[in-house]
């Protein structure tokens, strides 16, 4: 053995072809399984078609006119809050019949006065000055005004009475911009108006299957409305009733995002990328 000569290093064995095939096979099987798992997610996340988000689409002929049904008649129910204004030839009596209470404006910190509201009790009665208890159950606002005029005419000359609804409430839930309870100071409200006040439907809201829950005769009825079809204008649920509830169901894509797999997809993809990188580094 010669002095000064170093022993040659042992060459690192190169990976055999079967090992490489097994590695790439494992990676391929993993990616195929991941694609099968994420396939429904990718399908659900496709860009929605225009027809999926368009309201009031034509059924056939675009010039088809939809007949508007007669407006529903609002009838006073227990819990309804009424704004009642009385005008007569006597200012003192007007001040008595139109009591006002102070209300502080939180924005300007200025006190203002608001006309008192009358809440209908469970028996359909209100307590009105100079008249006492008056039954307004199942009356329209015009009929309630006529009843009050008849009662006040015994003590007031030529009274003029106007009755308005203060708390027309509709609840809107689900895939809308601002879900919550809507309080409208009028006696008529349509479904598109309620949805508009709630911030419109989100891109994930099912426009073809909007649920309306309505209480009628101590029972709850459930109706479905298709906002994509112009037949919605003929629906019995187009005009809202007090205490109606509107629920907009989310689409399948939103349900997938809220599922168990979707939140972990970034971790899964990161793990797959790490495994591939390590495998290539080991067998390079």
Protein backbone atom coordinates (compact mmCIF):
# COMPACT_ATOMS: atom_id res chain seq x y z
CA UNK A 1 0.00 0.00 0.00
CA UNK A 2 1.44 3.33 -1.04
CA UNK A 3 1.99 6.02 1.61
CA UNK A 4 0.05 9.20 1.04
CA UNK A 5 -2.63 7.64 -1.03
CA UNK A 6 -6.16 8.02 0.30
CA UNK A 7 -8.71 5.33 0.16
CA UNK A 8 -11.31 6.06 -2.44
CA UNK A 9 -14.81 6.84 -1.15
CA UNK A 10 -17.49 4.35 -1.65
CA UNK A 11 -19.89 5.59 -4.28
CA UNK A 12 -23.44 6.33 -3.07
CA UNK A 13 -25.79 3.85 -4.58
CA UNK A 14 -28.19 5.38 -7.03
CA UNK A 15 -31.86 4.62 -6.54
CA UNK A 16 -33.00 1.72 -8.57
CA UNK A 17 -35.79 2.04 -11.09
CA UNK A 18 -38.25 -0.06 -9.02
CA UNK A 19 -37.79 2.30 -6.03
CA UNK A 20 -38.48 5.33 -8.19
CA UNK A 21 -41.53 3.65 -9.68
CA UNK A 22 -42.88 2.84 -6.21
CA UNK A 23 -42.31 6.44 -5.05
CA UNK A 24 -44.02 8.00 -8.03
CA UNK A 25 -46.83 5.47 -7.76
CA UNK A 26 -47.47 6.42 -4.13
CA UNK A 27 -47.44 10.11 -4.97
CA UNK A 28 -49.76 9.53 -7.93
CA UNK A 29 -52.21 7.49 -5.83
CA UNK A 30 -52.19 10.20 -3.16
CA UNK A 31 -52.92 12.95 -5.69
CA UNK A 32 -55.70 10.90 -7.33
CA UNK A 33 -57.34 10.31 -3.97
CA UNK A 34 -57.03 13.99 -3.11
CA UNK A 35 -58.59 14.98 -6.43
CA UNK A 36 -61.50 12.58 -5.83
CA UNK A 37 -61.99 14.13 -2.41
CA UNK A 38 -61.83 17.70 -3.65
CA UNK A 39 -63.79 17.08 -6.85
CA UNK A 40 -67.19 18.00 -5.36
CA UNK A 41 -65.62 21.12 -3.83
CA UNK A 42 -64.23 22.27 -7.17
CA UNK A 43 -67.50 21.52 -8.87
CA UNK A 44 -69.43 23.44 -6.25
CA UNK A 45 -67.10 26.43 -6.59
CA UNK A 46 -67.65 26.93 -10.28
CA UNK A 47 -68.62 30.42 -11.26
CA UNK A 48 -72.41 30.59 -11.11
CA UNK A 49 -74.26 31.06 -14.33
CA UNK A 50 -76.09 34.29 -14.96
CA UNK A 51 -79.44 32.52 -14.80
CA UNK A 52 -78.69 31.34 -11.27
CA UNK A 53 -78.66 34.88 -9.86
CA UNK A 54 -81.12 36.74 -12.11
CA UNK A 55 -84.52 37.68 -10.68
CA UNK A 56 -87.88 37.51 -12.48
CA UNK A 57 -86.75 35.62 -15.57
CA UNK A 58 -89.26 35.23 -18.41
CA UNK A 59 -91.13 31.95 -18.67
CA UNK A 60 -91.47 32.08 -22.44
CA UNK A 61 -92.29 35.20 -24.37
CA UNK A 62 -90.40 38.11 -22.86
CA UNK A 63 -93.31 40.46 -23.53
CA UNK A 64 -95.69 38.32 -21.46
CA UNK A 65 -97.57 40.54 -19.04
CA UNK A 66 -98.16 39.25 -15.53
CA UNK A 67 -101.47 40.34 -14.07
CA UNK A 68 -101.12 41.98 -10.69
CA UNK A 69 -103.54 40.59 -8.15
CA UNK A 70 -105.51 42.89 -5.90
CA UNK A 71 -103.60 44.21 -2.93
CA UNK A 72 -104.20 42.33 0.32
CA UNK A 73 -106.13 44.09 3.04
CA UNK A 74 -104.22 44.64 6.27
CA UNK A 75 -106.25 43.93 9.39
CA UNK A 76 -105.26 44.99 12.87
CA UNK A 77 -104.11 42.15 15.11
CA UNK A 78 -103.05 41.90 18.77
CA UNK A 79 -99.60 43.43 19.19
CA UNK A 80 -100.07 45.92 16.35
CA UNK A 81 -98.88 49.42 17.24
CA UNK A 82 -101.00 52.21 15.81
CA UNK A 83 -100.21 55.86 15.27
CA UNK A 84 -103.47 57.79 15.68
CA UNK A 85 -103.75 61.49 14.80
CA UNK A 86 -106.85 63.55 15.56
CA UNK A 87 -107.61 67.00 14.18
CA UNK A 88 -110.51 69.20 15.24
CA UNK A 89 -111.47 72.87 15.55
CA UNK A 90 -110.34 73.00 19.18
CA UNK A 91 -106.52 73.20 19.71
CA UNK A 92 -106.83 72.23 23.38
CA UNK A 93 -108.68 69.05 22.51
CA UNK A 94 -106.16 68.32 19.76
CA UNK A 95 -103.33 68.57 22.30
CA UNK A 96 -105.20 66.18 24.60
CA UNK A 97 -105.95 63.63 21.89
CA UNK A 98 -102.44 63.75 20.37
CA UNK A 99 -100.13 63.27 23.35
CA UNK A 100 -96.42 63.41 22.67
CA UNK A 101 -93.52 62.12 24.73
CA UNK A 102 -89.89 63.32 24.59
CA UNK A 103 -87.35 61.24 22.68
CA UNK A 104 -83.60 61.94 22.78
CA UNK A 105 -81.66 61.76 19.55
CA UNK A 106 -78.41 59.96 20.33
CA UNK A 107 -76.68 61.45 17.28
CA UNK A 108 -77.37 65.13 17.93
CA UNK A 109 -78.13 64.85 21.67
CA UNK A 110 -81.27 66.90 21.10
CA UNK A 111 -84.64 66.10 22.66
CA UNK A 112 -87.60 65.84 20.31
CA UNK A 113 -91.22 64.86 20.78
CA UNK A 114 -92.88 61.86 19.17
CA UNK A 115 -96.55 61.04 18.92
CA UNK A 116 -97.58 58.30 21.32
CA UNK A 117 -98.36 54.90 19.83
CA UNK A 118 -101.27 52.65 20.83
CA UNK A 119 -100.54 48.92 21.14
CA UNK A 120 -103.48 46.60 20.56
CA UNK A 121 -103.85 44.17 23.47
CA UNK A 122 -104.61 40.45 23.26
CA UNK A 123 -108.35 41.17 23.08
CA UNK A 124 -107.96 43.64 20.19
CA UNK A 125 -108.59 46.73 22.33
CA UNK A 126 -106.84 50.09 22.64
CA UNK A 127 -107.31 52.72 25.34
CA UNK A 128 -107.91 56.11 23.71
CA UNK A 129 -108.31 59.51 25.47
CA UNK A 130 -111.88 60.79 25.97
CA UNK A 131 -113.25 57.53 24.59
CA UNK A 132 -111.86 54.73 26.69
CA UNK A 133 -111.43 51.20 25.40
CA UNK A 134 -112.13 50.73 21.70
CA UNK A 135 -112.22 47.40 19.86
CA UNK A 136 -110.18 47.52 16.64
CA UNK A 137 -109.54 43.79 16.17
CA UNK A 138 -109.56 42.64 12.50
CA UNK A 139 -110.36 46.16 11.30
CA UNK A 140 -108.50 47.96 8.53
CA UNK A 141 -106.87 51.27 9.35
CA UNK A 142 -109.70 53.12 7.57
CA UNK A 143 -112.33 51.19 9.50
CA UNK A 144 -110.53 51.88 12.78
CA UNK A 145 -110.47 55.60 11.92
CA UNK A 146 -114.23 55.53 11.24
CA UNK A 147 -114.87 53.84 14.60
CA UNK A 148 -112.86 56.49 16.43
CA UNK A 149 -114.63 59.29 14.55
CA UNK A 150 -117.99 57.86 15.58
CA UNK A 151 -116.87 57.64 19.22
CA UNK A 152 -115.27 61.11 19.32
CA UNK A 153 -118.19 62.84 17.57
CA UNK A 154 -120.17 62.57 20.80
CA UNK A 155 -117.79 65.04 22.46
CA UNK A 156 -115.82 66.72 19.65
CA UNK A 157 -117.15 68.70 16.72
CA UNK A 158 -116.13 67.36 13.30
CA UNK A 159 -113.11 65.28 14.32
CA UNK A 160 -110.76 64.01 11.62
CA UNK A 161 -108.85 60.83 12.44
CA UNK A 162 -105.97 59.11 10.63
CA UNK A 163 -104.64 55.69 11.67
CA UNK A 164 -101.28 54.31 10.57
CA UNK A 165 -99.42 51.11 11.40
CA UNK A 166 -96.10 51.65 13.17
CA UNK A 167 -94.68 48.15 13.67
CA UNK A 168 -95.18 46.02 10.56
CA UNK A 169 -92.55 43.38 11.44
CA UNK A 170 -91.01 40.78 9.13
CA UNK A 171 -88.05 38.55 10.00
CA UNK A 172 -85.51 37.77 7.25
CA UNK A 173 -82.93 35.02 7.88
CA UNK A 174 -80.35 33.05 5.92
CA UNK A 175 -78.22 34.12 2.98
CA UNK A 176 -78.99 37.85 2.94
CA UNK A 177 -76.77 40.83 3.46
CA UNK A 178 -78.26 41.97 6.78
CA UNK A 179 -80.46 39.31 8.43
CA UNK A 180 -82.72 40.50 11.20
CA UNK A 181 -86.16 41.84 12.07
CA UNK A 182 -87.54 44.54 9.77
CA UNK A 183 -89.84 47.12 11.33
CA UNK A 184 -91.73 49.02 8.63
CA UNK A 185 -94.06 51.93 9.41
CA UNK A 186 -96.74 51.04 6.85
CA UNK A 187 -99.36 48.39 6.33
CA UNK A 188 -98.04 46.88 3.08
CA UNK A 189 -94.76 45.18 2.26
CA UNK A 190 -93.79 42.86 -0.58
CA UNK A 191 -91.27 40.02 -0.53
CA UNK A 192 -88.79 41.79 -2.86
CA UNK A 193 -89.02 44.89 -0.66
CA UNK A 194 -88.31 42.86 2.48
CA UNK A 195 -85.31 41.18 0.83
CA UNK A 196 -84.06 44.55 -0.40
CA UNK A 197 -84.29 46.03 3.10
CA UNK A 198 -82.32 43.03 4.37
CA UNK A 199 -79.44 43.78 2.01
CA UNK A 200 -80.46 41.50 -0.89
CA UNK A 201 -79.50 37.85 -1.29
CA UNK A 202 -75.84 36.89 -1.26
CA UNK A 203 -74.32 34.98 -4.17
CA UNK A 204 -74.84 31.78 -2.15
CA UNK A 205 -78.58 32.26 -1.60
CA UNK A 206 -81.05 29.95 -3.33
CA UNK A 207 -83.25 32.29 -5.31
CA UNK A 208 -85.41 29.47 -6.63
CA UNK A 209 -86.49 28.15 -3.22
CA UNK A 210 -87.18 30.94 -0.71
CA UNK A 211 -89.18 29.82 2.31
CA UNK A 212 -91.94 31.99 3.81
CA UNK A 213 -93.33 30.99 7.22
CA UNK A 214 -96.69 32.55 8.00
CA UNK A 215 -98.96 32.28 11.02
CA UNK A 216 -102.64 32.04 10.16
CA UNK A 217 -105.48 31.05 12.49
CA UNK A 218 -103.10 29.86 15.23
CA UNK A 219 -101.29 27.62 12.70
CA UNK A 220 -98.05 28.01 10.79
CA UNK A 221 -97.99 27.47 7.06
CA UNK A 222 -94.87 27.06 4.93
CA UNK A 223 -94.73 28.39 1.39
CA UNK A 224 -92.00 28.29 -1.25
CA UNK A 225 -91.30 31.15 -3.65
CA UNK A 226 -89.14 31.14 -6.77
CA UNK A 227 -87.63 34.59 -7.23
CA UNK A 228 -86.15 33.59 -10.59
CA UNK A 229 -89.61 33.12 -12.11
CA UNK A 230 -92.01 35.96 -12.89
CA UNK A 231 -94.82 33.87 -11.48
CA UNK A 232 -93.67 35.16 -8.06
CA UNK A 233 -95.92 38.18 -8.65
CA UNK A 234 -98.93 35.85 -8.55
CA UNK A 235 -97.77 34.01 -5.44
CA UNK A 236 -99.84 34.16 -2.26
CA UNK A 237 -96.60 34.98 -0.44
CA UNK A 238 -95.60 37.92 -2.61
CA UNK A 239 -97.33 40.34 -0.22
CA UNK A 240 -95.99 40.02 3.30
CA UNK A 241 -98.17 39.70 6.37
CA UNK A 242 -97.21 40.94 9.86
CA UNK A 243 -94.83 38.57 11.68
CA UNK A 244 -93.94 36.65 8.50
CA UNK A 245 -90.54 34.95 8.48
CA UNK A 246 -88.45 34.70 5.29
CA UNK A 247 -85.63 32.15 5.14
CA UNK A 248 -83.12 32.02 2.27
CA UNK A 249 -81.43 28.63 2.10
CA UNK A 250 -77.71 28.50 1.21
CA UNK A 251 -76.53 26.77 -1.96
CA UNK A 252 -74.58 23.54 -1.91
CA UNK A 253 -71.30 25.38 -2.46
CA UNK A 254 -71.77 27.28 0.81
CA UNK A 255 -72.62 24.04 2.62
CA UNK A 256 -69.43 22.45 1.28
CA UNK A 257 -67.37 25.37 2.54
CA UNK A 258 -68.92 24.98 5.97
CA UNK A 259 -68.26 21.22 5.97
CA UNK A 260 -65.51 19.28 7.71
CA UNK A 261 -63.14 18.84 4.77
CA UNK A 262 -62.97 22.30 3.21
CA UNK A 263 -61.23 24.11 6.13
CA UNK A 264 -58.40 21.53 6.06
CA UNK A 265 -57.75 21.71 2.31
CA UNK A 266 -54.83 24.18 2.65
CA UNK A 267 -53.18 21.85 5.19
CA UNK A 268 -53.72 18.85 2.92
CA UNK A 269 -52.22 20.60 -0.09
CA UNK A 270 -49.27 21.82 2.00
CA UNK A 271 -48.63 18.30 3.28
CA UNK A 272 -48.78 16.86 -0.23
CA UNK A 273 -46.34 19.48 -1.50
CA UNK A 274 -43.96 18.76 1.40
CA UNK A 275 -44.03 15.01 0.74
CA UNK A 276 -43.29 15.49 -2.93
CA UNK A 277 -40.41 17.85 -2.16
CA UNK A 278 -38.88 15.46 0.38
CA UNK A 279 -39.24 12.51 -1.98
CA UNK A 280 -37.49 14.31 -4.79
CA UNK A 281 -34.70 15.48 -2.44
CA UNK A 282 -34.05 11.96 -1.13
CA UNK A 283 -33.85 10.27 -4.52
CA UNK A 284 -32.13 13.02 -6.44
